[in-house]
Amino acid sequence: MSEGPIEQWRDGFKVPRASTNPATAVHMVTMRRGIAFCGRRAQHFARMDHWEAVTCADCLAARAADLRESDNSGIGS
């Protein structure tokens, strides 16, 4: 496909890929020890118990999904 106006329009709606360097990522702690909010299991990674310091894109995405789900929990009932 060419780089025409339709592809440029589609590219305008693409969500940028988010990734965090595993060596520098700061994860959110869950209730289960050893598991980050994003689901990663690790013995040694930076952990926080407040969202302001979290840098893991997957932890932040999981939180956003949980918040969106809780906002929609009353729909259809």
PDB file of N, CA and C in Angstrom:
ATOM      1  N   MET A   1       0.848  -1.165   0.000  1.00  0.00           N
ATOM      2  CA  MET A   1       0.000   0.000   0.000  1.00  0.00           C
ATOM      3  C   MET A   1       0.902   1.240   0.000  1.00  0.00           C
ATOM      4  N   SER A   2       0.454   2.254  -0.643  1.00  0.00           N
ATOM      5  CA  SER A   2       1.259   3.467  -0.744  1.00  0.00           C
ATOM      6  C   SER A   2       1.099   4.342   0.493  1.00  0.00           C
ATOM      7  N   GLU A   3       1.948   5.336   0.555  1.00  0.00           N
ATOM      8  CA  GLU A   3       1.891   6.306   1.660  1.00  0.00           C
ATOM      9  C   GLU A   3       0.906   7.414   1.314  1.00  0.00           C
ATOM     10  N   GLY A   4      -0.232   7.046   0.844  1.00  0.00           N
ATOM     11  CA  GLY A   4      -1.222   8.021   0.398  1.00  0.00           C
ATOM     12  C   GLY A   4      -2.018   8.617   1.547  1.00  0.00           C
ATOM     13  N   PRO A   5      -3.005   9.428   1.206  1.00  0.00           N
ATOM     14  CA  PRO A   5      -3.784  10.126   2.239  1.00  0.00           C
ATOM     15  C   PRO A   5      -4.582   9.183   3.137  1.00  0.00           C
ATOM     16  N   ILE A   6      -5.021   8.050   2.613  1.00  0.00           N
ATOM     17  CA  ILE A   6      -5.791   7.114   3.439  1.00  0.00           C
ATOM     18  C   ILE A   6      -4.892   6.496   4.504  1.00  0.00           C
ATOM     19  N   GLU A   7      -3.687   6.073   4.113  1.00  0.00           N
ATOM     20  CA  GLU A   7      -2.775   5.503   5.102  1.00  0.00           C
ATOM     21  C   GLU A   7      -2.348   6.555   6.130  1.00  0.00           C
ATOM     22  N   GLN A   8      -2.136   7.761   5.690  1.00  0.00           N
ATOM     23  CA  GLN A   8      -1.786   8.826   6.628  1.00  0.00           C
ATOM     24  C   GLN A   8      -2.926   9.072   7.609  1.00  0.00           C
ATOM     25  N   TRP A   9      -4.154   8.992   7.123  1.00  0.00           N
ATOM     26  CA  TRP A   9      -5.308   9.166   7.996  1.00  0.00           C
ATOM     27  C   TRP A   9      -5.366   8.033   9.023  1.00  0.00           C
ATOM     28  N   ARG A  10      -5.162   6.784   8.562  1.00  0.00           N
ATOM     29  CA  ARG A  10      -5.151   5.638   9.481  1.00  0.00           C
ATOM     30  C   ARG A  10      -4.053   5.779  10.520  1.00  0.00           C
ATOM     31  N   ASP A  11      -2.867   6.200  10.067  1.00  0.00           N
ATOM     32  CA  ASP A  11      -1.749   6.364  10.998  1.00  0.00           C
ATOM     33  C   ASP A  11      -2.046   7.398  12.070  1.00  0.00           C
ATOM     34  N   GLY A  12      -2.917   8.341  11.776  1.00  0.00           N
ATOM     35  CA  GLY A  12      -3.300   9.346  12.760  1.00  0.00           C
ATOM     36  C   GLY A  12      -4.056   8.762  13.944  1.00  0.00           C
ATOM     37  N   PHE A  13      -4.627   7.570  13.783  1.00  0.00           N
ATOM     38  CA  PHE A  13      -5.391   6.929  14.855  1.00  0.00           C
ATOM     39  C   PHE A  13      -4.629   5.827  15.561  1.00  0.00           C
ATOM     40  N   LYS A  14      -3.427   5.539  15.121  1.00  0.00           N
ATOM     41  CA  LYS A  14      -2.640   4.486  15.760  1.00  0.00           C
ATOM     42  C   LYS A  14      -2.192   4.919  17.147  1.00  0.00           C
ATOM     43  N   VAL A  15      -2.295   3.998  18.065  1.00  0.00           N
ATOM     44  CA  VAL A  15      -1.825   4.256  19.426  1.00  0.00           C
ATOM     45  C   VAL A  15      -0.325   3.974  19.456  1.00  0.00           C
ATOM     46  N   PRO A  16       0.463   4.909  19.964  1.00  0.00           N
ATOM     47  CA  PRO A  16       1.904   4.654  19.997  1.00  0.00           C
ATOM     48  C   PRO A  16       2.232   3.472  20.908  1.00  0.00           C
ATOM     49  N   ARG A  17       3.209   2.675  20.489  1.00  0.00           N
ATOM     50  CA  ARG A  17       3.634   1.540  21.301  1.00  0.00           C
ATOM     51  C   ARG A  17       4.328   2.069  22.545  1.00  0.00           C
ATOM     52  N   ALA A  18       3.963   1.493  23.647  1.00  0.00           N
ATOM     53  CA  ALA A  18       4.582   1.891  24.906  1.00  0.00           C
ATOM     54  C   ALA A  18       5.362   0.711  25.456  1.00  0.00           C
ATOM     55  N   SER A  19       6.586   0.947  25.762  1.00  0.00           N
ATOM     56  CA  SER A  19       7.372  -0.093  26.395  1.00  0.00           C
ATOM     57  C   SER A  19       8.322   0.567  27.381  1.00  0.00           C
ATOM     58  N   THR A  20       8.701  -0.179  28.348  1.00  0.00           N
ATOM     59  CA  THR A  20       9.582   0.315  29.379  1.00  0.00           C
ATOM     60  C   THR A  20      10.802  -0.588  29.442  1.00  0.00           C
ATOM     61  N   ASN A  21      11.952  -0.002  29.540  1.00  0.00           N
ATOM     62  CA  ASN A  21      13.174  -0.775  29.676  1.00  0.00           C
ATOM     63  C   ASN A  21      13.084  -1.602  30.963  1.00  0.00           C
ATOM     64  N   PRO A  22      13.172  -2.923  30.874  1.00  0.00           N
ATOM     65  CA  PRO A  22      13.030  -3.760  32.072  1.00  0.00           C
ATOM     66  C   PRO A  22      14.050  -3.444  33.162  1.00  0.00           C
ATOM     67  N   ALA A  23      15.210  -2.965  32.779  1.00  0.00           N
ATOM     68  CA  ALA A  23      16.239  -2.672  33.779  1.00  0.00           C
ATOM     69  C   ALA A  23      15.918  -1.422  34.590  1.00  0.00           C
ATOM     70  N   THR A  24      15.106  -0.528  34.039  1.00  0.00           N
ATOM     71  CA  THR A  24      14.814   0.722  34.740  1.00  0.00           C
ATOM     72  C   THR A  24      13.357   0.855  35.158  1.00  0.00           C
ATOM     73  N   ALA A  25      12.524  -0.115  34.822  1.00  0.00           N
ATOM     74  CA  ALA A  25      11.096  -0.020  35.129  1.00  0.00           C
ATOM     75  C   ALA A  25      10.849  -0.106  36.632  1.00  0.00           C
ATOM     76  N   VAL A  26       9.900   0.700  37.079  1.00  0.00           N
ATOM     77  CA  VAL A  26       9.450   0.655  38.469  1.00  0.00           C
ATOM     78  C   VAL A  26       8.021   0.131  38.441  1.00  0.00           C
ATOM     79  N   HIS A  27       7.788  -1.008  39.093  1.00  0.00           N
ATOM     80  CA  HIS A  27       6.497  -1.691  39.058  1.00  0.00           C
ATOM     81  C   HIS A  27       5.675  -1.380  40.302  1.00  0.00           C
ATOM     82  N   MET A  28       4.361  -1.569  40.168  1.00  0.00           N
ATOM     83  CA  MET A  28       3.451  -1.426  41.298  1.00  0.00           C
ATOM     84  C   MET A  28       3.352  -2.756  42.018  1.00  0.00           C
ATOM     85  N   VAL A  29       3.384  -2.721  43.321  1.00  0.00           N
ATOM     86  CA  VAL A  29       3.292  -3.927  44.142  1.00  0.00           C
ATOM     87  C   VAL A  29       1.830  -4.361  44.241  1.00  0.00           C
ATOM     88  N   THR A  30       1.608  -5.680  44.150  1.00  0.00           N
ATOM     89  CA  THR A  30       0.266  -6.218  44.349  1.00  0.00           C
ATOM     90  C   THR A  30       0.175  -6.832  45.736  1.00  0.00           C
ATOM     91  N   MET A  31      -0.970  -7.343  46.049  1.00  0.00           N
ATOM     92  CA  MET A  31      -1.155  -7.988  47.347  1.00  0.00           C
ATOM     93  C   MET A  31      -0.351  -9.282  47.428  1.00  0.00           C
ATOM     94  N   ARG A  32      -0.161  -9.934  46.282  1.00  0.00           N
ATOM     95  CA  ARG A  32       0.626 -11.169  46.261  1.00  0.00           C
ATOM     96  C   ARG A  32       2.091 -10.803  46.103  1.00  0.00           C
ATOM     97  N   ARG A  33       2.889 -11.251  47.007  1.00  0.00           N
ATOM     98  CA  ARG A  33       4.321 -10.927  46.967  1.00  0.00           C
ATOM     99  C   ARG A  33       4.989 -11.532  45.746  1.00  0.00           C
ATOM    100  N   GLY A  34       5.916 -10.782  45.151  1.00  0.00           N
ATOM    101  CA  GLY A  34       6.677 -11.269  44.017  1.00  0.00           C
ATOM    102  C   GLY A  34       6.015 -11.098  42.676  1.00  0.00           C
ATOM    103  N   ILE A  35       4.817 -10.519  42.646  1.00  0.00           N
ATOM    104  CA  ILE A  35       4.118 -10.311  41.383  1.00  0.00           C
ATOM    105  C   ILE A  35       3.768  -8.830  41.270  1.00  0.00           C
ATOM    106  N   ALA A  36       4.155  -8.249  40.152  1.00  0.00           N
ATOM    107  CA  ALA A  36       3.839  -6.850  39.907  1.00  0.00           C
ATOM    108  C   ALA A  36       2.404  -6.727  39.406  1.00  0.00           C
ATOM    109  N   PHE A  37       1.875  -5.521  39.387  1.00  0.00           N
ATOM    110  CA  PHE A  37       0.512  -5.268  38.943  1.00  0.00           C
ATOM    111  C   PHE A  37       0.332  -5.687  37.492  1.00  0.00           C
ATOM    112  N   CYS A  38       1.410  -5.604  36.712  1.00  0.00           N
ATOM    113  CA  CYS A  38       1.354  -5.982  35.298  1.00  0.00           C
ATOM    114  C   CYS A  38       1.424  -7.486  35.110  1.00  0.00           C
ATOM    115  N   GLY A  39       1.691  -8.238  36.168  1.00  0.00           N
ATOM    116  CA  GLY A  39       1.726  -9.687  36.089  1.00  0.00           C
ATOM    117  C   GLY A  39       3.121 -10.272  36.004  1.00  0.00           C
ATOM    118  N   ARG A  40       4.132  -9.421  35.929  1.00  0.00           N
ATOM    119  CA  ARG A  40       5.496  -9.954  35.851  1.00  0.00           C
ATOM    120  C   ARG A  40       5.907 -10.523  37.195  1.00  0.00           C
ATOM    121  N   ARG A  41       6.596 -11.651  37.118  1.00  0.00           N
ATOM    122  CA  ARG A  41       7.154 -12.260  38.324  1.00  0.00           C
ATOM    123  C   ARG A  41       8.647 -12.014  38.307  1.00  0.00           C
ATOM    124  N   ALA A  42       9.155 -11.513  39.386  1.00  0.00           N
ATOM    125  CA  ALA A  42      10.594 -11.264  39.440  1.00  0.00           C
ATOM    126  C   ALA A  42      11.046 -11.268  40.887  1.00  0.00           C
ATOM    127  N   GLN A  43      12.255 -11.700  41.078  1.00  0.00           N
ATOM    128  CA  GLN A  43      12.823 -11.685  42.414  1.00  0.00           C
ATOM    129  C   GLN A  43      13.319 -10.291  42.776  1.00  0.00           C
ATOM    130  N   HIS A  44      13.926  -9.634  41.801  1.00  0.00           N
ATOM    131  CA  HIS A  44      14.515  -8.326  42.083  1.00  0.00           C
ATOM    132  C   HIS A  44      14.095  -7.318  41.027  1.00  0.00           C
ATOM    133  N   PHE A  45      13.073  -6.553  41.306  1.00  0.00           N
ATOM    134  CA  PHE A  45      12.757  -5.411  40.464  1.00  0.00           C
ATOM    135  C   PHE A  45      12.275  -4.288  41.364  1.00  0.00           C
ATOM    136  N   ALA A  46      12.382  -3.086  40.858  1.00  0.00           N
ATOM    137  CA  ALA A  46      11.992  -1.927  41.649  1.00  0.00           C
ATOM    138  C   ALA A  46      10.485  -1.950  41.855  1.00  0.00           C
ATOM    139  N   ARG A  47      10.056  -1.777  43.099  1.00  0.00           N
ATOM    140  CA  ARG A  47       8.637  -1.830  43.445  1.00  0.00           C
ATOM    141  C   ARG A  47       8.238  -0.576  44.207  1.00  0.00           C
ATOM    142  N   MET A  48       7.030  -0.148  43.987  1.00  0.00           N
ATOM    143  CA  MET A  48       6.480   1.005  44.689  1.00  0.00           C
ATOM    144  C   MET A  48       5.106   0.646  45.208  1.00  0.00           C
ATOM    145  N   ASP A  49       4.673   1.387  46.200  1.00  0.00           N
ATOM    146  CA  ASP A  49       3.321   1.173  46.698  1.00  0.00           C
ATOM    147  C   ASP A  49       2.456   2.409  46.472  1.00  0.00           C
ATOM    148  N   HIS A  50       2.923   3.347  45.633  1.00  0.00           N
ATOM    149  CA  HIS A  50       2.109   4.491  45.239  1.00  0.00           C
ATOM    150  C   HIS A  50       2.307   4.740  43.739  1.00  0.00           C
ATOM    151  N   TRP A  51       1.235   5.100  43.061  1.00  0.00           N
ATOM    152  CA  TRP A  51       1.234   5.171  41.600  1.00  0.00           C
ATOM    153  C   TRP A  51       2.086   6.299  41.033  1.00  0.00           C
ATOM    154  N   GLU A  52       2.375   7.326  41.793  1.00  0.00           N
ATOM    155  CA  GLU A  52       3.115   8.473  41.270  1.00  0.00           C
ATOM    156  C   GLU A  52       4.514   8.101  40.793  1.00  0.00           C
ATOM    157  N   ALA A  53       5.128   7.071  41.361  1.00  0.00           N
ATOM    158  CA  ALA A  53       6.502   6.709  41.026  1.00  0.00           C
ATOM    159  C   ALA A  53       6.597   5.547  40.040  1.00  0.00           C
ATOM    160  N   VAL A  54       5.473   4.962  39.644  1.00  0.00           N
ATOM    161  CA  VAL A  54       5.484   3.805  38.754  1.00  0.00           C
ATOM    162  C   VAL A  54       5.839   4.251  37.337  1.00  0.00           C
ATOM    163  N   THR A  55       6.779   3.527  36.694  1.00  0.00           N
ATOM    164  CA  THR A  55       7.163   3.837  35.318  1.00  0.00           C
ATOM    165  C   THR A  55       6.884   2.694  34.350  1.00  0.00           C
ATOM    166  N   CYS A  56       6.464   1.546  34.834  1.00  0.00           N
ATOM    167  CA  CYS A  56       6.180   0.402  33.963  1.00  0.00           C
ATOM    168  C   CYS A  56       4.917   0.690  33.146  1.00  0.00           C
ATOM    169  N   ALA A  57       5.050   0.721  31.822  1.00  0.00           N
ATOM    170  CA  ALA A  57       3.916   1.011  30.950  1.00  0.00           C
ATOM    171  C   ALA A  57       2.818  -0.043  31.099  1.00  0.00           C
ATOM    172  N   ASP A  58       3.197  -1.285  31.326  1.00  0.00           N
ATOM    173  CA  ASP A  58       2.204  -2.354  31.472  1.00  0.00           C
ATOM    174  C   ASP A  58       1.430  -2.235  32.788  1.00  0.00           C
ATOM    175  N   CYS A  59       2.097  -1.844  33.860  1.00  0.00           N
ATOM    176  CA  CYS A  59       1.402  -1.616  35.134  1.00  0.00           C
ATOM    177  C   CYS A  59       0.399  -0.474  34.987  1.00  0.00           C
ATOM    178  N   LEU A  60       0.813   0.594  34.330  1.00  0.00           N
ATOM    179  CA  LEU A  60      -0.071   1.744  34.134  1.00  0.00           C
ATOM    180  C   LEU A  60      -1.252   1.382  33.244  1.00  0.00           C
ATOM    181  N   ALA A  61      -1.021   0.564  32.215  1.00  0.00           N
ATOM    182  CA  ALA A  61      -2.104   0.126  31.337  1.00  0.00           C
ATOM    183  C   ALA A  61      -3.081  -0.775  32.089  1.00  0.00           C
ATOM    184  N   ALA A  62      -2.561  -1.648  32.944  1.00  0.00           N
ATOM    185  CA  ALA A  62      -3.423  -2.522  33.739  1.00  0.00           C
ATOM    186  C   ALA A  62      -4.283  -1.702  34.689  1.00  0.00           C
ATOM    187  N   ARG A  63      -3.699  -0.671  35.271  1.00  0.00           N
ATOM    188  CA  ARG A  63      -4.470   0.196  36.169  1.00  0.00           C
ATOM    189  C   ARG A  63      -5.562   0.923  35.393  1.00  0.00           C
ATOM    190  N   ALA A  64      -5.224   1.444  34.212  1.00  0.00           N
ATOM    191  CA  ALA A  64      -6.218   2.145  33.399  1.00  0.00           C
ATOM    192  C   ALA A  64      -7.362   1.215  33.015  1.00  0.00           C
ATOM    193  N   ALA A  65      -7.047  -0.027  32.675  1.00  0.00           N
ATOM    194  CA  ALA A  65      -8.084  -0.996  32.325  1.00  0.00           C
ATOM    195  C   ALA A  65      -8.968  -1.307  33.529  1.00  0.00           C
ATOM    196  N   ASP A  66      -8.375  -1.440  34.697  1.00  0.00           N
ATOM    197  CA  ASP A  66      -9.155  -1.698  35.908  1.00  0.00           C
ATOM    198  C   ASP A  66     -10.074  -0.524  36.225  1.00  0.00           C
ATOM    199  N   LEU A  67      -9.567   0.685  36.085  1.00  0.00           N
ATOM    200  CA  LEU A  67     -10.391   1.860  36.348  1.00  0.00           C
ATOM    201  C   LEU A  67     -11.530   1.968  35.353  1.00  0.00           C
ATOM    202  N   ARG A  68     -11.248   1.682  34.084  1.00  0.00           N
ATOM    203  CA  ARG A  68     -12.286   1.733  33.056  1.00  0.00           C
ATOM    204  C   ARG A  68     -13.341   0.670  33.329  1.00  0.00           C
ATOM    205  N   GLU A  69     -12.913  -0.514  33.741  1.00  0.00           N
ATOM    206  CA  GLU A  69     -13.848  -1.592  34.029  1.00  0.00           C
ATOM    207  C   GLU A  69     -14.732  -1.238  35.238  1.00  0.00           C
ATOM    208  N   SER A  70     -14.134  -0.632  36.258  1.00  0.00           N
ATOM    209  CA  SER A  70     -14.917  -0.272  37.434  1.00  0.00           C
ATOM    210  C   SER A  70     -15.912   0.848  37.106  1.00  0.00           C
ATOM    211  N   ASP A  71     -15.555   1.745  36.166  1.00  0.00           N
ATOM    212  CA  ASP A  71     -16.475   2.793  35.743  1.00  0.00           C
ATOM    213  C   ASP A  71     -17.654   2.218  34.971  1.00  0.00           C
ATOM    214  N   ASN A  72     -17.421   1.112  34.253  1.00  0.00           N
ATOM    215  CA  ASN A  72     -18.470   0.501  33.434  1.00  0.00           C
ATOM    216  C   ASN A  72     -19.230  -0.596  34.173  1.00  0.00           C
ATOM    217  N   SER A  73     -18.918  -0.820  35.441  1.00  0.00           N
ATOM    218  CA  SER A  73     -19.522  -1.946  36.157  1.00  0.00           C
ATOM    219  C   SER A  73     -21.023  -1.771  36.357  1.00  0.00           C
ATOM    220  N   GLY A  74     -21.532  -0.546  36.348  1.00  0.00           N
ATOM    221  CA  GLY A  74     -22.944  -0.313  36.558  1.00  0.00           C
ATOM    222  C   GLY A  74     -23.764  -0.342  35.295  1.00  0.00           C
ATOM    223  N   ILE A  75     -23.116  -0.442  34.126  1.00  0.00           N
ATOM    224  CA  ILE A  75     -23.839  -0.436  32.864  1.00  0.00           C
ATOM    225  C   ILE A  75     -24.580  -1.745  32.669  1.00  0.00           C
ATOM    226  N   GLY A  76     -25.847  -1.634  32.293  1.00  0.00           N
ATOM    227  CA  GLY A  76     -26.628  -2.827  31.976  1.00  0.00           C
ATOM    228  C   GLY A  76     -27.241  -3.493  33.181  1.00  0.00           C
ATOM    229  N   SER A  77     -27.091  -2.914  34.350  1.00  0.00           N
ATOM    230  CA  SER A  77     -27.700  -3.562  35.511  1.00  0.00           C
ATOM    231  C   SER A  77     -28.974  -2.871  35.925  1.00  0.00           C
TER     232      SER A  77
END
